[in-house]
C-alpha atoms as a PDB file:
ATOM      1  CA  UNK A   1      39.707 132.829  20.334  1.00  0.00           C
ATOM      2  CA  UNK A   2      40.570 131.626  23.814  1.00  0.00           C
ATOM      3  CA  UNK A   3      38.028 129.497  25.636  1.00  0.00           C
ATOM      4  CA  UNK A   4      36.263 130.832  28.708  1.00  0.00           C
ATOM      5  CA  UNK A   5      38.186 128.993  31.399  1.00  0.00           C
ATOM      6  CA  UNK A   6      40.825 126.266  31.402  1.00  0.00           C
ATOM      7  CA  UNK A   7      39.980 122.916  32.897  1.00  0.00           C
ATOM      8  CA  UNK A   8      41.435 121.991  36.252  1.00  0.00           C
ATOM      9  CA  UNK A   9      44.860 120.383  36.179  1.00  0.00           C
ATOM     10  CA  UNK A  10      44.378 116.764  35.225  1.00  0.00           C
ATOM     11  CA  UNK A  11      46.674 113.782  35.361  1.00  0.00           C
ATOM     12  CA  UNK A  12      46.945 112.517  31.771  1.00  0.00           C
ATOM     13  CA  UNK A  13      46.180 108.834  31.397  1.00  0.00           C
ATOM     14  CA  UNK A  14      45.404 106.357  28.663  1.00  0.00           C
ATOM     15  CA  UNK A  15      41.794 105.340  28.579  1.00  0.00           C
ATOM     16  CA  UNK A  16      39.042 103.660  26.599  1.00  0.00           C
ATOM     17  CA  UNK A  17      35.965 104.810  28.508  1.00  0.00           C
ATOM     18  CA  UNK A  18      34.906 108.245  29.639  1.00  0.00           C
ATOM     19  CA  UNK A  19      32.242 109.319  32.129  1.00  0.00           C
ATOM     20  CA  UNK A  20      30.576 112.605  31.135  1.00  0.00           C
ATOM     21  CA  UNK A  21      28.318 114.792  33.278  1.00  0.00           C
ATOM     22  CA  UNK A  22      26.740 117.507  31.102  1.00  0.00           C
ATOM     23  CA  UNK A  23      25.527 120.087  33.599  1.00  0.00           C
ATOM     24  CA  UNK A  24      23.704 123.346  33.062  1.00  0.00           C
ATOM     25  CA  UNK A  25      26.486 125.328  34.781  1.00  0.00           C
ATOM     26  CA  UNK A  26      29.496 123.005  34.595  1.00  0.00           C
ATOM     27  CA  UNK A  27      30.502 119.924  32.601  1.00  0.00           C
ATOM     28  CA  UNK A  28      32.735 117.247  34.096  1.00  0.00           C
ATOM     29  CA  UNK A  29      34.529 114.224  32.691  1.00  0.00           C
ATOM     30  CA  UNK A  30      36.562 111.357  34.131  1.00  0.00           C
ATOM     31  CA  UNK A  31      38.434 108.555  32.389  1.00  0.00           C
ATOM     32  CA  UNK A  32      38.453 104.922  33.434  1.00  0.00           C
ATOM     33  CA  UNK A  33      42.095 105.212  34.495  1.00  0.00           C
ATOM     34  CA  UNK A  34      42.106 108.846  35.603  1.00  0.00           C
ATOM     35  CA  UNK A  35      42.482 110.116  39.137  1.00  0.00           C
ATOM     36  CA  UNK A  36      41.254 113.694  38.645  1.00  0.00           C
ATOM     37  CA  UNK A  37      38.108 115.185  37.184  1.00  0.00           C
ATOM     38  CA  UNK A  38      38.132 117.568  34.224  1.00  0.00           C
ATOM     39  CA  UNK A  39      35.786 120.397  35.114  1.00  0.00           C
ATOM     40  CA  UNK A  40      34.881 123.424  32.970  1.00  0.00           C
ATOM     41  CA  UNK A  41      31.970 125.844  32.562  1.00  0.00           C
ATOM     42  CA  UNK A  42      29.158 124.586  30.323  1.00  0.00           C
ATOM     43  CA  UNK A  43      29.728 127.413  27.870  1.00  0.00           C
ATOM     44  CA  UNK A  44      31.569 127.979  24.588  1.00  0.00           C
ATOM     45  CA  UNK A  45      32.292 130.987  22.428  1.00  0.00           C
ATOM     46  CA  UNK A  46      30.000 131.582  19.464  1.00  0.00           C
ATOM     47  CA  UNK A  47      30.949 129.818  16.234  1.00  0.00           C
ATOM     48  CA  UNK A  48      31.393 131.651  13.976  1.00  0.00           C
ATOM     49  CA  UNK A  49      32.185 134.565  16.304  1.00  0.00           C
ATOM     50  CA  UNK A  50      29.492 137.225  16.312  1.00  0.00           C
ATOM     51  CA  UNK A  51      30.784 140.794  16.112  1.00  0.00           C
ATOM     52  CA  UNK A  52      30.079 142.670  19.326  1.00  0.00           C
ATOM     53  CA  UNK A  53      28.701 139.598  21.093  1.00  0.00           C
ATOM     54  CA  UNK A  54      30.509 139.039  24.371  1.00  0.00           C
ATOM     55  CA  UNK A  55      28.125 136.600  25.977  1.00  0.00           C
ATOM     56  CA  UNK A  56      29.073 132.907  25.792  1.00  0.00           C
ATOM     57  CA  UNK A  57      26.802 130.286  24.294  1.00  0.00           C
ATOM     58  CA  UNK A  58      25.375 127.933  26.909  1.00  0.00           C
ATOM     59  CA  UNK A  59      24.286 124.725  25.177  1.00  0.00           C
ATOM     60  CA  UNK A  60      22.725 122.986  28.197  1.00  0.00           C
ATOM     61  CA  UNK A  61      19.454 124.174  29.714  1.00  0.00           C
ATOM     62  CA  UNK A  62      17.695 122.394  32.580  1.00  0.00           C
ATOM     63  CA  UNK A  63      20.298 119.650  32.198  1.00  0.00           C
ATOM     64  CA  UNK A  64      19.259 119.001  28.591  1.00  0.00           C
ATOM     65  CA  UNK A  65      20.669 119.945  25.179  1.00  0.00           C
ATOM     66  CA  UNK A  66      19.367 123.324  24.013  1.00  0.00           C
ATOM     67  CA  UNK A  67      21.956 123.988  21.264  1.00  0.00           C
ATOM     68  CA  UNK A  68      23.245 120.791  19.577  1.00  0.00           C
ATOM     69  CA  UNK A  69      26.102 122.473  17.703  1.00  0.00           C
ATOM     70  CA  UNK A  70      27.405 124.251  20.781  1.00  0.00           C
ATOM     71  CA  UNK A  71      26.971 121.046  22.795  1.00  0.00           C
ATOM     72  CA  UNK A  72      29.198 119.170  20.345  1.00  0.00           C
ATOM     73  CA  UNK A  73      31.873 121.854  20.752  1.00  0.00           C
ATOM     74  CA  UNK A  74      31.572 121.680  24.534  1.00  0.00           C
ATOM     75  CA  UNK A  75      31.911 117.891  24.530  1.00  0.00           C
ATOM     76  CA  UNK A  76      34.986 118.073  22.287  1.00  0.00           C
ATOM     77  CA  UNK A  77      36.596 120.560  24.673  1.00  0.00           C
ATOM     78  CA  UNK A  78      35.984 118.514  27.815  1.00  0.00           C
ATOM     79  CA  UNK A  79      37.114 115.308  26.083  1.00  0.00           C
ATOM     80  CA  UNK A  80      40.266 117.105  24.993  1.00  0.00           C
ATOM     81  CA  UNK A  81      40.838 117.934  28.664  1.00  0.00           C
ATOM     82  CA  UNK A  82      41.096 114.218  29.464  1.00  0.00           C
ATOM     83  CA  UNK A  83      43.165 113.240  26.424  1.00  0.00           C
ATOM     84  CA  UNK A  84      46.784 113.643  25.463  1.00  0.00           C
ATOM     85  CA  UNK A  85      48.945 112.665  22.505  1.00  0.00           C
ATOM     86  CA  UNK A  86      49.244 108.899  22.207  1.00  0.00           C
ATOM     87  CA  UNK A  87      45.919 108.094  23.832  1.00  0.00           C
ATOM     88  CA  UNK A  88      44.108 105.223  22.224  1.00  0.00           C
ATOM     89  CA  UNK A  89      40.664 105.905  20.790  1.00  0.00           C
ATOM     90  CA  UNK A  90      37.729 106.130  23.118  1.00  0.00           C
ATOM     91  CA  UNK A  91      35.563 103.028  23.175  1.00  0.00           C
ATOM     92  CA  UNK A  92      32.561 104.328  25.087  1.00  0.00           C
ATOM     93  CA  UNK A  93      31.195 107.470  26.692  1.00  0.00           C
ATOM     94  CA  UNK A  94      28.771 106.979  29.574  1.00  0.00           C
ATOM     95  CA  UNK A  95      26.764 110.178  29.977  1.00  0.00           C
ATOM     96  CA  UNK A  96      24.136 111.241  32.485  1.00  0.00           C
ATOM     97  CA  UNK A  97      20.658 112.495  31.621  1.00  0.00           C
ATOM     98  CA  UNK A  98      17.921 113.848  33.893  1.00  0.00           C
ATOM     99  CA  UNK A  99      15.114 111.459  34.771  1.00  0.00           C
ATOM    100  CA  UNK A 100      12.781 114.139  33.415  1.00  0.00           C
ATOM    101  CA  UNK A 101      14.442 114.025  29.973  1.00  0.00           C
ATOM    102  CA  UNK A 102      12.013 113.096  27.202  1.00  0.00           C
ATOM    103  CA  UNK A 103      12.882 110.559  24.471  1.00  0.00           C
ATOM    104  CA  UNK A 104      13.763 113.441  22.140  1.00  0.00           C
ATOM    105  CA  UNK A 105      15.973 115.003  24.848  1.00  0.00           C
ATOM    106  CA  UNK A 106      17.788 111.701  25.227  1.00  0.00           C
ATOM    107  CA  UNK A 107      18.259 111.371  21.472  1.00  0.00           C
ATOM    108  CA  UNK A 108      19.727 114.883  21.385  1.00  0.00           C
ATOM    109  CA  UNK A 109      22.283 113.991  24.079  1.00  0.00           C
ATOM    110  CA  UNK A 110      23.196 110.703  22.416  1.00  0.00           C
ATOM    111  CA  UNK A 111      23.601 112.328  18.999  1.00  0.00           C
ATOM    112  CA  UNK A 112      25.662 115.298  20.178  1.00  0.00           C
ATOM    113  CA  UNK A 113      28.014 113.191  22.292  1.00  0.00           C
ATOM    114  CA  UNK A 114      28.453 110.418  19.708  1.00  0.00           C
ATOM    115  CA  UNK A 115      29.223 112.937  16.958  1.00  0.00           C
ATOM    116  CA  UNK A 116      31.744 114.732  19.161  1.00  0.00           C
ATOM    117  CA  UNK A 117      33.386 111.601  20.583  1.00  0.00           C
ATOM    118  CA  UNK A 118      33.177 109.286  17.567  1.00  0.00           C
ATOM    119  CA  UNK A 119      32.241 106.253  19.653  1.00  0.00           C
ATOM    120  CA  UNK A 120      29.313 104.543  21.319  1.00  0.00           C
ATOM    121  CA  UNK A 121      27.272 106.370  23.975  1.00  0.00           C
ATOM    122  CA  UNK A 122      25.436 104.898  26.952  1.00  0.00           C
ATOM    123  CA  UNK A 123      22.879 106.977  28.850  1.00  0.00           C
ATOM    124  CA  UNK A 124      22.318 106.670  32.597  1.00  0.00           C
ATOM    125  CA  UNK A 125      19.815 108.668  34.620  1.00  0.00           C
ATOM    126  CA  UNK A 126      21.777 111.148  36.717  1.00  0.00           C
ATOM    127  CA  UNK A 127      20.262 110.592  40.177  1.00  0.00           C
ATOM    128  CA  UNK A 128      20.901 106.869  39.818  1.00  0.00           C
ATOM    129  CA  UNK A 129      24.503 107.551  38.790  1.00  0.00           C
ATOM    130  CA  UNK A 130      24.859 109.947  41.744  1.00  0.00           C
ATOM    131  CA  UNK A 131      23.625 107.208  44.091  1.00  0.00           C
ATOM    132  CA  UNK A 132      26.271 104.837  42.733  1.00  0.00           C
ATOM    133  CA  UNK A 133      28.860 107.616  43.023  1.00  0.00           C
ATOM    134  CA  UNK A 134      28.296 108.063  46.753  1.00  0.00           C
ATOM    135  CA  UNK A 135      28.321 104.315  47.437  1.00  0.00           C
ATOM    136  CA  UNK A 136      24.621 103.630  47.978  1.00  0.00           C
ATOM    137  CA  UNK A 137      23.378 100.108  47.263  1.00  0.00           C
ATOM    138  CA  UNK A 138      21.130 100.802  44.297  1.00  0.00           C
ATOM    139  CA  UNK A 139      20.292  97.113  43.864  1.00  0.00           C
ATOM    140  CA  UNK A 140      18.853  96.606  47.348  1.00  0.00           C
ATOM    141  CA  UNK A 141      15.151  96.053  47.974  1.00  0.00           C
ATOM    142  CA  UNK A 142      14.963  98.683  50.738  1.00  0.00           C
ATOM    143  CA  UNK A 143      14.114 102.056  49.161  1.00  0.00           C
ATOM    144  CA  UNK A 144      15.998 105.246  49.773  1.00  0.00           C
ATOM    145  CA  UNK A 145      15.517 108.823  48.640  1.00  0.00           C
ATOM    146  CA  UNK A 146      18.042 110.980  46.793  1.00  0.00           C
ATOM    147  CA  UNK A 147      17.784 114.684  45.969  1.00  0.00           C
ATOM    148  CA  UNK A 148      20.070 115.859  43.149  1.00  0.00           C
ATOM    149  CA  UNK A 149      20.372 119.664  43.180  1.00  0.00           C
ATOM    150  CA  UNK A 150      21.773 120.992  39.910  1.00  0.00           C
ATOM    151  CA  UNK A 151      22.011 124.517  38.528  1.00  0.00           C
ATOM    152  CA  UNK A 152      19.239 123.958  35.983  1.00  0.00           C
ATOM    153  CA  UNK A 153      17.141 121.124  37.364  1.00  0.00           C
ATOM    154  CA  UNK A 154      16.480 119.557  40.770  1.00  0.00           C
ATOM    155  CA  UNK A 155      15.280 115.954  40.878  1.00  0.00           C
ATOM    156  CA  UNK A 156      14.065 113.951  43.855  1.00  0.00           C
ATOM    157  CA  UNK A 157      13.891 110.189  43.341  1.00  0.00           C
ATOM    158  CA  UNK A 158      13.056 106.987  45.145  1.00  0.00           C
ATOM    159  CA  UNK A 159      15.463 104.149  44.302  1.00  0.00           C
ATOM    160  CA  UNK A 160      15.137 100.413  44.907  1.00  0.00           C
ATOM    161  CA  UNK A 161      15.956  97.171  43.059  1.00  0.00           C
ATOM    162  CA  UNK A 162      18.376  98.941  40.714  1.00  0.00           C
ATOM    163  CA  UNK A 163      15.847 101.411  39.353  1.00  0.00           C
ATOM    164  CA  UNK A 164      14.199 104.738  40.012  1.00  0.00           C
ATOM    165  CA  UNK A 165      10.718 103.787  41.165  1.00  0.00           C
ATOM    166  CA  UNK A 166       9.361 107.337  41.414  1.00  0.00           C
ATOM    167  CA  UNK A 167      10.673 110.804  40.607  1.00  0.00           C
ATOM    168  CA  UNK A 168       9.711 114.465  40.685  1.00  0.00           C
ATOM    169  CA  UNK A 169      11.564 117.480  39.286  1.00  0.00           C
ATOM    170  CA  UNK A 170      11.707 121.267  39.249  1.00  0.00           C
ATOM    171  CA  UNK A 171      13.364 123.113  36.387  1.00  0.00           C
ATOM    172  CA  UNK A 172      15.230 126.188  37.577  1.00  0.00           C
ATOM    173  CA  UNK A 173      15.140 129.560  35.880  1.00  0.00           C
ATOM    174  CA  UNK A 174      17.935 131.043  37.970  1.00  0.00           C
ATOM    175  CA  UNK A 175      20.278 130.260  40.843  1.00  0.00           C
ATOM    176  CA  UNK A 176      22.739 132.410  42.754  1.00  0.00           C
ATOM    177  CA  UNK A 177      26.190 131.844  44.196  1.00  0.00           C
ATOM    178  CA  UNK A 178      24.440 131.317  47.540  1.00  0.00           C
ATOM    179  CA  UNK A 179      22.284 128.526  46.143  1.00  0.00           C
ATOM    180  CA  UNK A 180      18.574 128.206  45.504  1.00  0.00           C
ATOM    181  CA  UNK A 181      16.421 131.298  45.733  1.00  0.00           C
ATOM    182  CA  UNK A 182      14.099 131.230  48.776  1.00  0.00           C
ATOM    183  CA  UNK A 183      10.884 130.529  46.869  1.00  0.00           C
ATOM    184  CA  UNK A 184      12.579 127.778  44.867  1.00  0.00           C
ATOM    185  CA  UNK A 185      14.038 126.280  48.034  1.00  0.00           C
ATOM    186  CA  UNK A 186      10.546 125.991  49.512  1.00  0.00           C
ATOM    187  CA  UNK A 187       9.338 124.320  46.320  1.00  0.00           C
ATOM    188  CA  UNK A 188      12.166 121.784  46.412  1.00  0.00           C
ATOM    189  CA  UNK A 189      11.441 120.892  50.042  1.00  0.00           C
ATOM    190  CA  UNK A 190       7.701 120.546  49.355  1.00  0.00           C
ATOM    191  CA  UNK A 191       8.410 118.429  46.269  1.00  0.00           C
ATOM    192  CA  UNK A 192      10.653 116.060  48.230  1.00  0.00           C
ATOM    193  CA  UNK A 193       8.114 115.754  51.039  1.00  0.00           C
ATOM    194  CA  UNK A 194       5.395 114.940  48.499  1.00  0.00           C
ATOM    195  CA  UNK A 195       7.560 112.198  47.010  1.00  0.00           C
ATOM    196  CA  UNK A 196       8.011 110.653  50.458  1.00  0.00           C
ATOM    197  CA  UNK A 197       4.260 110.748  51.090  1.00  0.00           C
ATOM    198  CA  UNK A 198       3.612 108.997  47.778  1.00  0.00           C
ATOM    199  CA  UNK A 199       5.565 105.920  48.799  1.00  0.00           C
ATOM    200  CA  UNK A 200       3.456 102.954  49.931  1.00  0.00           C
ATOM    201  CA  UNK A 201       3.210 102.880  53.730  1.00  0.00           C
ATOM    202  CA  UNK A 202       5.357  99.755  54.086  1.00  0.00           C
ATOM    203  CA  UNK A 203       8.149 101.359  52.031  1.00  0.00           C
ATOM    204  CA  UNK A 204       7.892 104.813  53.585  1.00  0.00           C
ATOM    205  CA  UNK A 205       9.191 103.633  56.966  1.00  0.00           C
ATOM    206  CA  UNK A 206      12.175 101.944  55.321  1.00  0.00           C
ATOM    207  CA  UNK A 207      12.927 105.058  53.272  1.00  0.00           C
ATOM    208  CA  UNK A 208      12.829 107.181  56.425  1.00  0.00           C
ATOM    209  CA  UNK A 209      15.237 104.803  58.086  1.00  0.00           C
ATOM    210  CA  UNK A 210      17.671 105.003  55.179  1.00  0.00           C
ATOM    211  CA  UNK A 211      17.469 108.788  55.154  1.00  0.00           C
ATOM    212  CA  UNK A 212      17.739 111.326  52.345  1.00  0.00           C
ATOM    213  CA  UNK A 213      21.007 111.789  50.441  1.00  0.00           C
ATOM    214  CA  UNK A 214      21.542 115.180  48.802  1.00  0.00           C
ATOM    215  CA  UNK A 215      23.952 115.479  45.858  1.00  0.00           C
ATOM    216  CA  UNK A 216      24.801 118.024  43.176  1.00  0.00           C
ATOM    217  CA  UNK A 217      26.386 121.448  43.251  1.00  0.00           C
ATOM    218  CA  UNK A 218      23.570 122.866  45.392  1.00  0.00           C
ATOM    219  CA  UNK A 219      23.863 120.204  48.072  1.00  0.00           C
ATOM    220  CA  UNK A 220      26.020 122.343  50.353  1.00  0.00           C
ATOM    221  CA  UNK A 221      23.392 125.040  50.877  1.00  0.00           C
ATOM    222  CA  UNK A 222      22.926 124.931  54.643  1.00  0.00           C
ATOM    223  CA  UNK A 223      19.478 126.522  54.535  1.00  0.00           C
ATOM    224  CA  UNK A 224      18.245 123.798  52.183  1.00  0.00           C
ATOM    225  CA  UNK A 225      19.612 120.997  54.365  1.00  0.00           C
ATOM    226  CA  UNK A 226      18.127 122.529  57.511  1.00  0.00           C
ATOM    227  CA  UNK A 227      14.700 122.913  55.912  1.00  0.00           C
ATOM    228  CA  UNK A 228      14.752 119.328  54.634  1.00  0.00           C
ATOM    229  CA  UNK A 229      15.676 118.045  58.086  1.00  0.00           C
ATOM    230  CA  UNK A 230      12.894 120.059  59.731  1.00  0.00           C
ATOM    231  CA  UNK A 231      10.126 119.185  57.275  1.00  0.00           C
ATOM    232  CA  UNK A 232      10.953 115.550  56.515  1.00  0.00           C
ATOM    233  CA  UNK A 233      11.941 114.538  60.065  1.00  0.00           C
ATOM    234  CA  UNK A 234      14.435 111.990  58.753  1.00  0.00           C
ATOM    235  CA  UNK A 235      18.237 111.862  58.479  1.00  0.00           C
ATOM    236  CA  UNK A 236      19.587 114.154  55.744  1.00  0.00           C
ATOM    237  CA  UNK A 237      23.184 113.669  54.594  1.00  0.00           C
ATOM    238  CA  UNK A 238      25.523 115.149  52.005  1.00  0.00           C
ATOM    239  CA  UNK A 239      28.612 113.239  50.771  1.00  0.00           C
ATOM    240  CA  UNK A 240      32.029 114.832  50.315  1.00  0.00           C
ATOM    241  CA  UNK A 241      32.274 116.745  47.012  1.00  0.00           C
ATOM    242  CA  UNK A 242      28.576 116.240  46.173  1.00  0.00           C
ATOM    243  CA  UNK A 243      29.037 118.070  42.858  1.00  0.00           C
ATOM    244  CA  UNK A 244      31.176 115.144  41.653  1.00  0.00           C
ATOM    245  CA  UNK A 245      28.772 112.373  42.684  1.00  0.00           C
ATOM    246  CA  UNK A 246      27.271 111.912  39.218  1.00  0.00           C
ATOM    247  CA  UNK A 247      30.517 111.760  37.238  1.00  0.00           C
ATOM    248  CA  UNK A 248      32.081 109.396  39.802  1.00  0.00           C
ATOM    249  CA  UNK A 249      29.016 107.167  39.633  1.00  0.00           C
ATOM    250  CA  UNK A 250      29.120 107.104  35.845  1.00  0.00           C
ATOM    251  CA  UNK A 251      32.749 105.990  35.989  1.00  0.00           C
ATOM    252  CA  UNK A 252      31.999 103.290  38.563  1.00  0.00           C
ATOM    253  CA  UNK A 253      29.361 101.992  36.190  1.00  0.00           C
ATOM    254  CA  UNK A 254      32.006 101.904  33.442  1.00  0.00           C
ATOM    255  CA  UNK A 255      34.039  99.668  35.728  1.00  0.00           C
ATOM    256  CA  UNK A 256      31.078  97.413  36.651  1.00  0.00           C
ATOM    257  CA  UNK A 257      29.521  96.312  33.339  1.00  0.00           C
ATOM    258  CA  UNK A 258      26.889  93.930  34.803  1.00  0.00           C
ATOM    259  CA  UNK A 259      25.466  96.675  37.022  1.00  0.00           C
ATOM    260  CA  UNK A 260      25.730  99.248  34.252  1.00  0.00           C
ATOM    261  CA  UNK A 261      23.899  97.121  31.707  1.00  0.00           C
ATOM    262  CA  UNK A 262      20.828  96.803  33.907  1.00  0.00           C
ATOM    263  CA  UNK A 263      20.799 100.478  34.852  1.00  0.00           C
ATOM    264  CA  UNK A 264      21.556 101.785  31.371  1.00  0.00           C
ATOM    265  CA  UNK A 265      18.646  99.831  29.896  1.00  0.00           C
ATOM    266  CA  UNK A 266      16.303 102.127  31.840  1.00  0.00           C
ATOM    267  CA  UNK A 267      18.158 105.275  30.811  1.00  0.00           C
ATOM    268  CA  UNK A 268      17.954 104.871  27.036  1.00  0.00           C
END
């Protein structure tokens, strides 16, 4: 049976490491020598096919594995999108996980990806990877705030000294093509403001000065950005292609092992 949607056209390259962003709505991958991102819906057909069942199986919920078997099939499909005949075996997959993921959630991701890829798996918390992906200095002592707006989970984090020092999250039940529903949008803004207030006074001023960076597929919702700017009274910015921030950050970590080793140790 045909899959739901082909991946975007991708330049085929030889590679040993793959960055993998398992999203609730879309899954993306990038190789260490690739120049384009494989991007497909986070859905697969039922296996075995169920008679009369037209709905796809969606293995990721709230950014976490809800169906391990379907997740393995999804990972195999997206890895196939970045491979071609003659590629050497993958050495490592660096995959993002929500900060809110429990130890059992993280084990489920590691197991599903390692079984599908047949190689080692390194976990990195997604907002930290997104910060690396947009070029923020995650190792600096001055804190900054990042809001990662996904289809299944929204996480606001404070980052300094190469780690997430504080984090809050909202799991989403539904989103629309226009972005967050109004009541959810208000909750996200209030959550981010509460995180800012929780910072020690001496760090809060520095965080305000650095501004808030918004990433993820929901980062282009103008109403969200306007509300954040009004309530927080600090600079709010969105990078180009914010939906690709996490997968680009994961790949940059592949290319910078010393930085990745320190960050990954906190994402296990």
